[in-house]
C-alpha atoms as a PDB file:
ATOM      1  CA  MET A   1       0.248  -2.731  -5.014  1.00  0.00           C
ATOM      2  CA  THR A   2      -0.536  -2.789  -8.717  1.00  0.00           C
ATOM      3  CA  PRO A   3      -4.094  -1.434  -9.043  1.00  0.00           C
ATOM      4  CA  ALA A   4      -4.034  -1.245 -12.843  1.00  0.00           C
ATOM      5  CA  LYS A   5      -7.369  -3.114 -13.016  1.00  0.00           C
ATOM      6  CA  TRP A   6      -9.104  -0.573 -10.762  1.00  0.00           C
ATOM      7  CA  VAL A   7      -7.661   2.364 -12.683  1.00  0.00           C
ATOM      8  CA  ARG A   8      -8.839   0.827 -15.960  1.00  0.00           C
ATOM      9  CA  ILE A   9     -12.379   0.339 -14.619  1.00  0.00           C
ATOM     10  CA  TRP A  10     -12.417   3.920 -13.289  1.00  0.00           C
ATOM     11  CA  ASN A  11     -11.358   5.275 -16.677  1.00  0.00           C
ATOM     12  CA  GLU A  12     -14.069   3.253 -18.416  1.00  0.00           C
ATOM     13  CA  ARG A  13     -16.825   4.436 -16.068  1.00  0.00           C
ATOM     14  CA  LEU A  14     -15.714   8.021 -15.467  1.00  0.00           C
ATOM     15  CA  PRO A  15     -13.524   9.015 -18.414  1.00  0.00           C
ATOM     16  CA  HIS A  16     -14.293  12.724 -17.867  1.00  0.00           C
ATOM     17  CA  ILE A  17     -12.759  12.653 -14.344  1.00  0.00           C
ATOM     18  CA  PRO A  18      -8.995  11.891 -14.414  1.00  0.00           C
ATOM     19  CA  LEU A  19      -7.614   9.666 -11.673  1.00  0.00           C
ATOM     20  CA  THR A  20      -4.148  10.833 -10.677  1.00  0.00           C
ATOM     21  CA  LEU A  21      -1.932   8.265  -8.948  1.00  0.00           C
ATOM     22  CA  VAL A  22       0.477   9.421  -6.247  1.00  0.00           C
ATOM     23  CA  ALA A  23       3.199   7.033  -5.048  1.00  0.00           C
ATOM     24  CA  VAL A  24       4.267   7.460  -1.414  1.00  0.00           C
ATOM     25  CA  SER A  25       5.970   5.285   1.177  1.00  0.00           C
ATOM     26  CA  ALA A  26       3.924   3.400   3.763  1.00  0.00           C
ATOM     27  CA  VAL A  27       5.028   5.714   6.569  1.00  0.00           C
ATOM     28  CA  GLU A  28       4.029   8.830   4.612  1.00  0.00           C
ATOM     29  CA  ALA A  29       0.580   7.684   3.514  1.00  0.00           C
ATOM     30  CA  SER A  30      -1.461   8.931   6.487  1.00  0.00           C
ATOM     31  CA  ASP A  31       0.158  12.385   6.410  1.00  0.00           C
ATOM     32  CA  VAL A  32      -0.500  12.700   2.672  1.00  0.00           C
ATOM     33  CA  LEU A  33      -4.195  11.942   3.240  1.00  0.00           C
ATOM     34  CA  ARG A  34      -4.427  14.354   6.179  1.00  0.00           C
ATOM     35  CA  ASP A  35      -2.825  17.145   4.150  1.00  0.00           C
ATOM     36  CA  GLY A  36      -5.124  16.663   1.157  1.00  0.00           C
ATOM     37  CA  GLY A  37      -2.395  15.311  -1.100  1.00  0.00           C
ATOM     38  CA  ALA A  38      -4.759  12.491  -2.072  1.00  0.00           C
ATOM     39  CA  ASP A  39      -8.444  11.811  -1.590  1.00  0.00           C
ATOM     40  CA  ALA A  40      -7.940   8.170  -0.575  1.00  0.00           C
ATOM     41  CA  GLY A  41      -5.031   5.750  -0.405  1.00  0.00           C
ATOM     42  CA  PHE A  42      -3.953   2.164  -0.064  1.00  0.00           C
ATOM     43  CA  VAL A  43      -2.298   2.028   3.345  1.00  0.00           C
ATOM     44  CA  ARG A  44      -1.002  -0.491   5.832  1.00  0.00           C
ATOM     45  CA  LEU A  45      -3.089  -0.969   8.954  1.00  0.00           C
ATOM     46  CA  PRO A  46      -3.485   0.200  11.627  1.00  0.00           C
ATOM     47  CA  VAL A  47      -4.612   3.762  10.923  1.00  0.00           C
ATOM     48  CA  ASP A  48      -6.194   6.353  13.215  1.00  0.00           C
ATOM     49  CA  ARG A  49      -9.848   5.265  13.095  1.00  0.00           C
ATOM     50  CA  THR A  50     -10.963   8.445  14.862  1.00  0.00           C
ATOM     51  CA  TYR A  51     -10.000  10.325  11.687  1.00  0.00           C
ATOM     52  CA  PHE A  52      -9.863   7.783   8.851  1.00  0.00           C
ATOM     53  CA  SER A  53     -12.342   5.353   7.408  1.00  0.00           C
ATOM     54  CA  ALA A  54     -10.740   2.130   6.202  1.00  0.00           C
ATOM     55  CA  ILE A  55     -11.805  -0.952   4.269  1.00  0.00           C
ATOM     56  CA  PRO A  56      -9.416  -3.890   4.825  1.00  0.00           C
ATOM     57  CA  LEU A  57      -8.576  -5.546   1.512  1.00  0.00           C
ATOM     58  CA  TYR A  58      -6.103  -8.345   2.151  1.00  0.00           C
ATOM     59  CA  THR A  59      -3.370  -9.678   4.426  1.00  0.00           C
ATOM     60  CA  GLU A  60       0.146 -10.088   3.059  1.00  0.00           C
ATOM     61  CA  THR A  61       2.443 -13.040   3.531  1.00  0.00           C
ATOM     62  CA  THR A  62       5.572 -12.238   5.549  1.00  0.00           C
ATOM     63  CA  VAL A  63       8.857 -13.471   4.076  1.00  0.00           C
ATOM     64  CA  VAL A  64      12.487 -13.522   5.120  1.00  0.00           C
ATOM     65  CA  VAL A  65      14.942 -11.954   2.666  1.00  0.00           C
ATOM     66  CA  VAL A  66      18.255 -13.840   2.570  1.00  0.00           C
ATOM     67  CA  PRO A  67      21.297 -14.346   0.327  1.00  0.00           C
ATOM     68  CA  LYS A  68      20.751 -17.047  -2.273  1.00  0.00           C
ATOM     69  CA  ASP A  69      23.249 -19.342  -0.553  1.00  0.00           C
ATOM     70  CA  HIS A  70      21.566 -19.090   2.867  1.00  0.00           C
ATOM     71  CA  VAL A  71      20.632 -22.381   4.521  1.00  0.00           C
ATOM     72  CA  VAL A  72      16.888 -21.564   4.658  1.00  0.00           C
ATOM     73  CA  THR A  73      16.677 -21.553   0.862  1.00  0.00           C
ATOM     74  CA  ALA A  74      16.664 -25.357   1.013  1.00  0.00           C
ATOM     75  CA  ALA A  75      13.064 -25.189   2.332  1.00  0.00           C
ATOM     76  CA  ASP A  76       9.869 -23.906   0.723  1.00  0.00           C
ATOM     77  CA  GLU A  77       8.883 -22.077   3.929  1.00  0.00           C
ATOM     78  CA  VAL A  78      10.431 -21.469   7.340  1.00  0.00           C
ATOM     79  CA  THR A  79       9.526 -20.515  10.912  1.00  0.00           C
ATOM     80  CA  THR A  80      11.023 -17.847  13.142  1.00  0.00           C
ATOM     81  CA  GLU A  81      12.770 -20.624  15.051  1.00  0.00           C
ATOM     82  CA  ASP A  82      14.752 -21.426  11.899  1.00  0.00           C
ATOM     83  CA  LEU A  83      16.239 -17.923  12.152  1.00  0.00           C
ATOM     84  CA  ALA A  84      17.386 -18.253  15.775  1.00  0.00           C
ATOM     85  CA  ASP A  85      21.071 -18.102  14.830  1.00  0.00           C
ATOM     86  CA  ASP A  86      20.726 -15.177  12.400  1.00  0.00           C
ATOM     87  CA  VAL A  87      21.092 -11.461  12.956  1.00  0.00           C
ATOM     88  CA  VAL A  88      17.623 -10.087  12.163  1.00  0.00           C
ATOM     89  CA  LEU A  89      17.522  -6.524  10.848  1.00  0.00           C
ATOM     90  CA  HIS A  90      14.717  -4.266  12.096  1.00  0.00           C
ATOM     91  CA  PRO A  91      14.484  -1.084   9.978  1.00  0.00           C
ATOM     92  CA  LEU A  92      12.905   2.065  11.375  1.00  0.00           C
ATOM     93  CA  ASP A  93      10.124   1.892   8.766  1.00  0.00           C
ATOM     94  CA  ASP A  94       9.209  -1.705   9.652  1.00  0.00           C
ATOM     95  CA  THR A  95       5.505  -2.358   8.917  1.00  0.00           C
ATOM     96  CA  LEU A  96       5.223  -5.529  11.041  1.00  0.00           C
ATOM     97  CA  ASP A  97       3.972  -5.498  14.624  1.00  0.00           C
ATOM     98  CA  TRP A  98       6.570  -7.512  16.531  1.00  0.00           C
ATOM     99  CA  GLU A  99       6.235  -8.506  20.157  1.00  0.00           C
ATOM    100  CA  ARG A 100       9.682 -10.052  19.965  1.00  0.00           C
ATOM    101  CA  LEU A 101      12.045 -10.267  17.027  1.00  0.00           C
ATOM    102  CA  PRO A 102      13.331 -13.734  16.145  1.00  0.00           C
ATOM    103  CA  GLY A 103      17.038 -14.463  16.086  1.00  0.00           C
ATOM    104  CA  ARG A 104      19.565 -11.909  17.288  1.00  0.00           C
ATOM    105  CA  PRO A 105      18.527  -8.266  16.743  1.00  0.00           C
ATOM    106  CA  ALA A 106      21.090  -6.065  15.018  1.00  0.00           C
ATOM    107  CA  ILE A 107      22.913  -3.609  17.279  1.00  0.00           C
ATOM    108  CA  GLU A 108      21.774  -0.659  15.154  1.00  0.00           C
ATOM    109  CA  ARG A 109      18.481  -0.381  13.285  1.00  0.00           C
ATOM    110  CA  PRO A 110      18.737   0.473   9.556  1.00  0.00           C
ATOM    111  CA  ALA A 111      16.997   3.706   8.554  1.00  0.00           C
ATOM    112  CA  SER A 112      14.809   2.054   5.915  1.00  0.00           C
ATOM    113  CA  THR A 113      13.810  -1.266   4.392  1.00  0.00           C
ATOM    114  CA  LYS A 114      15.938  -0.425   1.356  1.00  0.00           C
ATOM    115  CA  ASP A 115      18.991   0.070   3.585  1.00  0.00           C
ATOM    116  CA  ALA A 116      18.255  -3.220   5.344  1.00  0.00           C
ATOM    117  CA  VAL A 117      18.134  -5.055   2.017  1.00  0.00           C
ATOM    118  CA  GLU A 118      21.569  -3.649   1.181  1.00  0.00           C
ATOM    119  CA  LEU A 119      22.878  -5.010   4.493  1.00  0.00           C
ATOM    120  CA  VAL A 120      21.404  -8.437   3.738  1.00  0.00           C
ATOM    121  CA  ALA A 121      23.238  -8.401   0.400  1.00  0.00           C
ATOM    122  CA  ALA A 122      26.444  -7.535   2.296  1.00  0.00           C
ATOM    123  CA  GLY A 123      25.977 -10.571   4.524  1.00  0.00           C
ATOM    124  CA  VAL A 124      25.186  -8.602   7.691  1.00  0.00           C
ATOM    125  CA  GLY A 125      21.879 -10.319   8.510  1.00  0.00           C
ATOM    126  CA  VAL A 126      18.402 -11.271   7.298  1.00  0.00           C
ATOM    127  CA  LEU A 127      15.213  -9.223   6.953  1.00  0.00           C
ATOM    128  CA  LEU A 128      11.537 -10.048   7.518  1.00  0.00           C
ATOM    129  CA  VAL A 129       9.089  -7.979   5.455  1.00  0.00           C
ATOM    130  CA  PRO A 130       5.728  -8.260   3.672  1.00  0.00           C
ATOM    131  CA  GLN A 131       6.204 -10.136   0.406  1.00  0.00           C
ATOM    132  CA  SER A 132       5.413  -7.082  -1.723  1.00  0.00           C
ATOM    133  CA  LEU A 133       8.330  -5.181  -0.162  1.00  0.00           C
ATOM    134  CA  ALA A 134      10.646  -8.100  -0.870  1.00  0.00           C
ATOM    135  CA  ARG A 135       9.583  -7.917  -4.510  1.00  0.00           C
ATOM    136  CA  LEU A 136       9.899  -4.153  -4.606  1.00  0.00           C
ATOM    137  CA  ASN A 137      13.490  -4.326  -3.355  1.00  0.00           C
ATOM    138  CA  HIS A 138      14.456  -7.367  -5.427  1.00  0.00           C
ATOM    139  CA  ARG A 139      18.110  -8.070  -6.080  1.00  0.00           C
ATOM    140  CA  ARG A 140      19.585 -10.872  -8.157  1.00  0.00           C
ATOM    141  CA  ASP A 141      21.831 -11.997  -5.317  1.00  0.00           C
ATOM    142  CA  LEU A 142      18.945 -12.283  -2.839  1.00  0.00           C
ATOM    143  CA  THR A 143      15.840 -14.430  -2.493  1.00  0.00           C
ATOM    144  CA  TYR A 144      13.088 -14.928   0.086  1.00  0.00           C
ATOM    145  CA  ARG A 145      11.020 -17.610   1.776  1.00  0.00           C
ATOM    146  CA  PRO A 146       7.597 -17.373   3.528  1.00  0.00           C
ATOM    147  CA  VAL A 147       7.738 -17.324   7.344  1.00  0.00           C
ATOM    148  CA  THR A 148       4.706 -19.190   8.661  1.00  0.00           C
ATOM    149  CA  ASP A 149       4.565 -17.830  12.225  1.00  0.00           C
ATOM    150  CA  ALA A 150       5.614 -14.185  11.733  1.00  0.00           C
ATOM    151  CA  PRO A 151       3.282 -11.170  12.153  1.00  0.00           C
ATOM    152  CA  GLN A 152       1.497 -10.173   8.959  1.00  0.00           C
ATOM    153  CA  SER A 153       0.689  -6.813   7.420  1.00  0.00           C
ATOM    154  CA  ARG A 154      -2.848  -5.859   6.355  1.00  0.00           C
ATOM    155  CA  VAL A 155      -3.556  -3.477   3.486  1.00  0.00           C
ATOM    156  CA  ALA A 156      -6.659  -1.280   3.380  1.00  0.00           C
ATOM    157  CA  LEU A 157      -8.290   1.410   1.293  1.00  0.00           C
ATOM    158  CA  SER A 158      -8.463   4.458   3.562  1.00  0.00           C
ATOM    159  CA  TRP A 159      -9.609   8.084   3.408  1.00  0.00           C
ATOM    160  CA  PRO A 160     -10.462  10.924   5.829  1.00  0.00           C
ATOM    161  CA  GLU A 161     -13.978  10.182   7.069  1.00  0.00           C
ATOM    162  CA  GLU A 162     -15.112  13.785   6.713  1.00  0.00           C
ATOM    163  CA  MET A 163     -14.072  13.699   3.050  1.00  0.00           C
ATOM    164  CA  THR A 164     -16.377  10.860   2.010  1.00  0.00           C
ATOM    165  CA  THR A 165     -17.405  12.472  -1.281  1.00  0.00           C
ATOM    166  CA  ASP A 166     -19.370  11.014  -4.189  1.00  0.00           C
ATOM    167  CA  MET A 167     -16.120  10.415  -6.050  1.00  0.00           C
ATOM    168  CA  VAL A 168     -14.624   8.539  -3.095  1.00  0.00           C
ATOM    169  CA  GLU A 169     -17.789   6.406  -2.978  1.00  0.00           C
ATOM    170  CA  ASP A 170     -17.378   5.722  -6.686  1.00  0.00           C
ATOM    171  CA  PHE A 171     -13.814   4.559  -6.164  1.00  0.00           C
ATOM    172  CA  ILE A 172     -14.838   2.356  -3.224  1.00  0.00           C
ATOM    173  CA  GLY A 173     -17.358   0.738  -5.554  1.00  0.00           C
ATOM    174  CA  VAL A 174     -14.665   0.051  -8.133  1.00  0.00           C
ATOM    175  CA  VAL A 175     -12.312  -1.490  -5.562  1.00  0.00           C
ATOM    176  CA  ARG A 176     -15.073  -3.626  -4.025  1.00  0.00           C
ATOM    177  CA  GLY A 177     -16.137  -4.945  -7.404  1.00  0.00           C
ATOM    178  CA  ARG A 178     -19.555  -3.306  -7.591  1.00  0.00           C
ATOM    179  CA  THR A 179     -21.111  -3.131 -11.026  1.00  0.00           C
ATOM    180  CA  VAL A 180     -21.879   0.175 -12.661  1.00  0.00           C
ATOM    181  CA  ASN A 181     -25.593  -0.365 -11.884  1.00  0.00           C
ATOM    182  CA  SER A 182     -25.054  -1.264  -8.222  1.00  0.00           C
ATOM    183  CA  THR A 183     -27.583   0.356  -5.876  1.00  0.00           C
ATOM    184  CA  ARG A 184     -24.707   1.100  -3.470  1.00  0.00           C
ATOM    185  CA  GLY A 185     -22.845   3.101  -6.061  1.00  0.00           C
ATOM    186  CA  ARG A 186     -23.870   6.387  -7.647  1.00  0.00           C
ATOM    187  CA  VAL A 187     -25.001   6.555 -11.234  1.00  0.00           C
ATOM    188  CA  ALA A 188     -23.336   5.372 -14.389  1.00  0.00           C
ATOM    189  CA  THR A 189     -21.263   7.938 -16.265  1.00  0.00           C
ATOM    190  CA  PRO A 190     -23.254   9.573 -19.066  1.00  0.00           C
ATOM    191  CA  ALA A 191     -22.002   8.589 -22.494  1.00  0.00           C
ATOM    192  CA  GLN A 192     -21.586  12.175 -23.703  1.00  0.00           C
ATOM    193  CA  PRO A 193     -21.431  14.487 -20.649  1.00  0.00           C
ATOM    194  CA  LYS A 194     -21.881  18.145 -21.487  1.00  0.00           C
ATOM    195  CA  ARG A 195     -19.964  19.185 -18.395  1.00  0.00           C
ATOM    196  CA  ALA A 196     -17.306  17.515 -16.293  1.00  0.00           C
ATOM    197  CA  SER A 197     -17.578  18.177 -12.582  1.00  0.00           C
ATOM    198  CA  ALA A 198     -14.621  17.767 -10.266  1.00  0.00           C
ATOM    199  CA  GLY A 199     -14.878  15.279  -7.414  1.00  0.00           C
ATOM    200  CA  GLY A 200     -12.649  13.264  -5.122  1.00  0.00           C
ATOM    201  CA  ALA A 201     -11.468   9.710  -5.521  1.00  0.00           C
ATOM    202  CA  GLN A 202      -8.298   7.858  -4.933  1.00  0.00           C
ATOM    203  CA  GLY A 203      -6.208   4.916  -5.829  1.00  0.00           C
ATOM    204  CA  LYS A 204      -2.652   3.556  -5.938  1.00  0.00           C
ATOM    205  CA  SER A 205       0.076   3.476  -8.434  1.00  0.00           C
ATOM    206  CA  GLY A 206      -1.239   2.096 -11.722  1.00  0.00           C
ATOM    207  CA  GLY A 207       2.019   0.874 -13.205  1.00  0.00           C
ATOM    208  CA  ARG A 208       4.003   0.951  -9.993  1.00  0.00           C
ATOM    209  CA  LYS A 209       5.809  -1.863  -8.382  1.00  0.00           C
ATOM    210  CA  PRO A 210       4.054  -3.481  -5.436  1.00  0.00           C
ATOM    211  CA  GLY A 211       4.602  -2.765  -1.790  1.00  0.00           C
ATOM    212  CA  ARG A 212       4.482   0.993  -1.758  1.00  0.00           C
ATOM    213  CA  ALA A 213       1.558   2.811  -0.224  1.00  0.00           C
ATOM    214  CA  THR A 214      -0.203   4.963  -2.798  1.00  0.00           C
ATOM    215  CA  GLY A 215      -2.778   7.683  -3.035  1.00  0.00           C
ATOM    216  CA  ALA A 216      -4.772   8.960  -5.950  1.00  0.00           C
ATOM    217  CA  ARG A 217      -6.303  12.253  -6.747  1.00  0.00           C
ATOM    218  CA  ARG A 218      -9.095  13.053  -9.149  1.00  0.00           C
ATOM    219  CA  GLY A 219      -8.993  15.982 -11.537  1.00  0.00           C
ATOM    220  CA  GLY A 220     -10.381  19.375 -10.615  1.00  0.00           C
ATOM    221  CA  GLU A 221      -9.433  22.437  -8.633  1.00  0.00           C
ATOM    222  CA  ARG A 222      -8.570  22.338  -4.931  1.00  0.00           C
ATOM    223  CA  GLY A 223      -8.949  24.818  -2.145  1.00  0.00           C
ATOM    224  CA  ARG A 224      -6.069  25.906   0.038  1.00  0.00           C
ATOM    225  CA  ARG A 225      -6.519  22.923   2.359  1.00  0.00           C
ATOM    226  CA  GLY A 226      -6.616  20.443  -0.502  1.00  0.00           C
ATOM    227  CA  ARG A 227     -10.430  20.087  -0.467  1.00  0.00           C
ATOM    228  CA  PRO A 228     -12.035  19.600  -3.898  1.00  0.00           C
ATOM    229  CA  ARG A 229     -14.002  22.475  -5.395  1.00  0.00           C
ATOM    230  CA  ARG A 230     -16.615  21.961  -8.057  1.00  0.00           C
ATOM    231  CA  ARG A 231     -16.926  23.810 -11.303  1.00  0.00           C
ATOM    232  CA  SER A 232     -20.388  24.510 -12.547  1.00  0.00           C
END
């Protein structure tokens, strides 16, 4: 993701409360939130809804990453049937929910999406991933095409339900496009605050490349378990 717009709006509305962006992989995101490493995060669904609240934001297009001379590059989009003769790599950090992989599964699963991309470049097989991950791991010798009938990955804003603080609510308002005067948000930031109180909010990497799960942390002190403490 590239949430630069949301970070900019946060800084305009709450300039006295820094928003710290923490870049983590998709598989690490839930653990980072549980451990208090971030107050909220952009994660890939599903998440544990008995512990986390989540607001689905969008669904990503799934693409197949192939060498530039692969036969599927002749089409604008493909189906899984078009990959029936290919070795399809299935990395251990795959974010797609497959009932059955298309093509011929590789004998050994790559450890990560990055490793799988390297194997595609070596001519070992092809890789199906959300489009943002294809962009994140871009190589000049590779390209990708949308796969119309593949599972898709959904991205959500998520946070521990018990940590739904005012600052988290403020960030939800920013992400959902609420105005500064929205009745569902809190109050507008005072122009010249005499004191800055610490709160909790979260986001993703401002200038990061897309496809990585991200958390954000607002300024202020934390307790031993990562819970925010206020200064008076």
